[in-house]
Amino acid sequence: MADDMYIDETQLNKLGKSFETHAYDLEQYLKEFSSKAGEEQIHDGFGILTESEEITSAYIELAEHMAKSLGNLHRHLDGIGGGMRENAKNTESADDAMADMFKGDDR
């Protein structure tokens, strides 16, 4: 039937773990980026030229926005992965309960 649906908990769990792994990797890259593109590092890169203050400020702002966006992406990917894993767990529990019901087991 076209209305039937099947969820493979194992595959959904693997996919959720994959999202969480990518989120973790992104977090590590973000930490590395933040340590190399902080305000002090940007100031050191441009030096103390008075003309460079406006450019320096723009780069600092850009780096801060980029770090914030990547942090949001990390949290979003981690949340998706956690949601998938929770869904897989709930699906498995529902399948087990349904199987027990058909067997006539009372819990």
C-alpha atoms as a PDB file:
ATOM      1  CA  MET A   1       0.000   0.000   0.000  1.00  0.00           C
ATOM      2  CA  ALA A   2       1.133   3.500  -0.748  1.00  0.00           C
ATOM      3  CA  ASP A   3       0.212   4.655   2.759  1.00  0.00           C
ATOM      4  CA  ASP A   4       2.533   2.185   4.520  1.00  0.00           C
ATOM      5  CA  MET A   5       5.597   3.565   6.193  1.00  0.00           C
ATOM      6  CA  TYR A   6       8.644   1.843   7.618  1.00  0.00           C
ATOM      7  CA  ILE A   7      11.359   3.327   9.789  1.00  0.00           C
ATOM      8  CA  ASP A   8      14.612   1.425  10.144  1.00  0.00           C
ATOM      9  CA  GLU A   9      15.700   2.416  13.643  1.00  0.00           C
ATOM     10  CA  THR A  10      19.260   1.253  13.059  1.00  0.00           C
ATOM     11  CA  GLN A  11      19.706   3.415   9.969  1.00  0.00           C
ATOM     12  CA  LEU A  12      17.993   6.393  11.598  1.00  0.00           C
ATOM     13  CA  ASN A  13      20.269   6.016  14.616  1.00  0.00           C
ATOM     14  CA  LYS A  14      23.343   5.875  12.332  1.00  0.00           C
ATOM     15  CA  LEU A  15      22.173   8.990  10.515  1.00  0.00           C
ATOM     16  CA  GLY A  16      21.631  10.775  13.828  1.00  0.00           C
ATOM     17  CA  LYS A  17      25.131   9.804  14.981  1.00  0.00           C
ATOM     18  CA  SER A  18      26.503  11.101  11.684  1.00  0.00           C
ATOM     19  CA  PHE A  19      24.850  14.496  12.235  1.00  0.00           C
ATOM     20  CA  GLU A  20      26.229  14.614  15.780  1.00  0.00           C
ATOM     21  CA  THR A  21      29.713  13.668  14.550  1.00  0.00           C
ATOM     22  CA  HIS A  22      29.654  16.414  11.933  1.00  0.00           C
ATOM     23  CA  ALA A  23      28.415  18.860  14.560  1.00  0.00           C
ATOM     24  CA  TYR A  24      31.301  17.879  16.849  1.00  0.00           C
ATOM     25  CA  ASP A  25      33.811  18.245  13.989  1.00  0.00           C
ATOM     26  CA  LEU A  26      32.396  21.665  13.152  1.00  0.00           C
ATOM     27  CA  GLU A  27      32.729  22.693  16.794  1.00  0.00           C
ATOM     28  CA  GLN A  28      36.407  21.686  16.765  1.00  0.00           C
ATOM     29  CA  TYR A  29      37.027  23.640  13.549  1.00  0.00           C
ATOM     30  CA  LEU A  30      35.233  26.613  15.073  1.00  0.00           C
ATOM     31  CA  LYS A  31      37.470  26.518  18.146  1.00  0.00           C
ATOM     32  CA  GLU A  32      40.527  26.449  15.887  1.00  0.00           C
ATOM     33  CA  PHE A  33      39.150  29.276  13.738  1.00  0.00           C
ATOM     34  CA  SER A  34      38.324  31.387  16.797  1.00  0.00           C
ATOM     35  CA  SER A  35      41.813  30.948  18.207  1.00  0.00           C
ATOM     36  CA  LYS A  36      43.371  32.072  14.906  1.00  0.00           C
ATOM     37  CA  ALA A  37      40.929  34.817  13.954  1.00  0.00           C
ATOM     38  CA  GLY A  38      40.340  36.580  17.241  1.00  0.00           C
ATOM     39  CA  GLU A  39      40.491  40.326  17.721  1.00  0.00           C
ATOM     40  CA  GLU A  40      44.102  40.242  18.879  1.00  0.00           C
ATOM     41  CA  GLN A  41      45.252  38.143  15.932  1.00  0.00           C
ATOM     42  CA  ILE A  42      43.473  40.423  13.459  1.00  0.00           C
ATOM     43  CA  HIS A  43      44.995  43.536  15.053  1.00  0.00           C
ATOM     44  CA  ASP A  44      48.429  41.903  14.879  1.00  0.00           C
ATOM     45  CA  GLY A  45      47.861  41.071  11.209  1.00  0.00           C
ATOM     46  CA  PHE A  46      46.999  44.627  10.197  1.00  0.00           C
ATOM     47  CA  GLY A  47      49.519  46.362  12.402  1.00  0.00           C
ATOM     48  CA  ILE A  48      49.100  49.830  13.856  1.00  0.00           C
ATOM     49  CA  LEU A  49      48.499  51.883  10.719  1.00  0.00           C
ATOM     50  CA  THR A  50      45.780  54.426  11.338  1.00  0.00           C
ATOM     51  CA  GLU A  51      44.263  53.722   7.907  1.00  0.00           C
ATOM     52  CA  SER A  52      43.838  50.097   8.805  1.00  0.00           C
ATOM     53  CA  GLU A  53      41.599  50.667  11.850  1.00  0.00           C
ATOM     54  CA  GLU A  54      38.423  50.725   9.758  1.00  0.00           C
ATOM     55  CA  ILE A  55      39.480  47.603   7.869  1.00  0.00           C
ATOM     56  CA  THR A  56      40.555  45.905  11.074  1.00  0.00           C
ATOM     57  CA  SER A  57      37.189  46.620  12.669  1.00  0.00           C
ATOM     58  CA  ALA A  58      35.381  45.222   9.629  1.00  0.00           C
ATOM     59  CA  TYR A  59      37.438  42.014   9.737  1.00  0.00           C
ATOM     60  CA  ILE A  60      36.857  41.621  13.474  1.00  0.00           C
ATOM     61  CA  GLU A  61      33.118  42.056  12.972  1.00  0.00           C
ATOM     62  CA  LEU A  62      33.143  39.570  10.082  1.00  0.00           C
ATOM     63  CA  ALA A  63      35.064  36.994  12.136  1.00  0.00           C
ATOM     64  CA  GLU A  64      32.664  37.408  15.066  1.00  0.00           C
ATOM     65  CA  HIS A  65      29.610  36.963  12.825  1.00  0.00           C
ATOM     66  CA  MET A  66      31.168  33.948  11.143  1.00  0.00           C
ATOM     67  CA  ALA A  67      31.964  32.327  14.492  1.00  0.00           C
ATOM     68  CA  LYS A  68      28.437  33.009  15.724  1.00  0.00           C
ATOM     69  CA  SER A  69      26.883  31.554  12.548  1.00  0.00           C
ATOM     70  CA  LEU A  70      29.060  28.455  12.694  1.00  0.00           C
ATOM     71  CA  GLY A  71      28.188  28.031  16.372  1.00  0.00           C
ATOM     72  CA  ASN A  72      24.496  28.198  15.501  1.00  0.00           C
ATOM     73  CA  LEU A  73      25.016  25.639  12.722  1.00  0.00           C
ATOM     74  CA  HIS A  74      26.841  23.352  15.153  1.00  0.00           C
ATOM     75  CA  ARG A  75      23.978  23.494  17.650  1.00  0.00           C
ATOM     76  CA  HIS A  76      21.418  22.944  14.895  1.00  0.00           C
ATOM     77  CA  LEU A  77      23.204  19.880  13.489  1.00  0.00           C
ATOM     78  CA  ASP A  78      23.637  18.479  16.984  1.00  0.00           C
ATOM     79  CA  GLY A  79      19.939  19.017  17.692  1.00  0.00           C
ATOM     80  CA  ILE A  80      18.916  17.297  14.465  1.00  0.00           C
ATOM     81  CA  GLY A  81      21.166  14.343  15.280  1.00  0.00           C
ATOM     82  CA  GLY A  82      19.788  14.074  18.786  1.00  0.00           C
ATOM     83  CA  GLY A  83      16.234  14.268  17.478  1.00  0.00           C
ATOM     84  CA  MET A  84      16.877  11.476  14.994  1.00  0.00           C
ATOM     85  CA  ARG A  85      18.404   9.276  17.649  1.00  0.00           C
ATOM     86  CA  GLU A  86      15.478   9.954  19.996  1.00  0.00           C
ATOM     87  CA  ASN A  87      13.055   9.144  17.188  1.00  0.00           C
ATOM     88  CA  ALA A  88      14.899   5.877  16.525  1.00  0.00           C
ATOM     89  CA  LYS A  89      14.708   4.995  20.218  1.00  0.00           C
ATOM     90  CA  ASN A  90      10.981   5.789  20.345  1.00  0.00           C
ATOM     91  CA  THR A  91      10.328   3.805  17.163  1.00  0.00           C
ATOM     92  CA  GLU A  92      12.142   0.795  18.567  1.00  0.00           C
ATOM     93  CA  SER A  93      10.167   1.013  21.814  1.00  0.00           C
ATOM     94  CA  ALA A  94       6.889   1.281  19.900  1.00  0.00           C
ATOM     95  CA  ASP A  95       7.834  -1.682  17.703  1.00  0.00           C
ATOM     96  CA  ASP A  96       8.743  -3.745  20.761  1.00  0.00           C
ATOM     97  CA  ALA A  97       5.451  -2.862  22.448  1.00  0.00           C
ATOM     98  CA  MET A  98       3.528  -3.775  19.302  1.00  0.00           C
ATOM     99  CA  ALA A  99       5.366  -7.109  19.034  1.00  0.00           C
ATOM    100  CA  ASP A 100       4.619  -7.871  22.692  1.00  0.00           C
ATOM    101  CA  MET A 101       0.977  -7.012  22.125  1.00  0.00           C
ATOM    102  CA  PHE A 102       0.760  -9.487  19.257  1.00  0.00           C
ATOM    103  CA  LYS A 103       2.498 -12.126  21.367  1.00  0.00           C
ATOM    104  CA  GLY A 104       0.070 -11.472  24.178  1.00  0.00           C
ATOM    105  CA  ASP A 105       2.766 -10.410  26.660  1.00  0.00           C
ATOM    106  CA  ASP A 106       1.688  -8.003  29.398  1.00  0.00           C
ATOM    107  CA  ARG A 107       4.184  -5.541  30.745  1.00  0.00           C
END
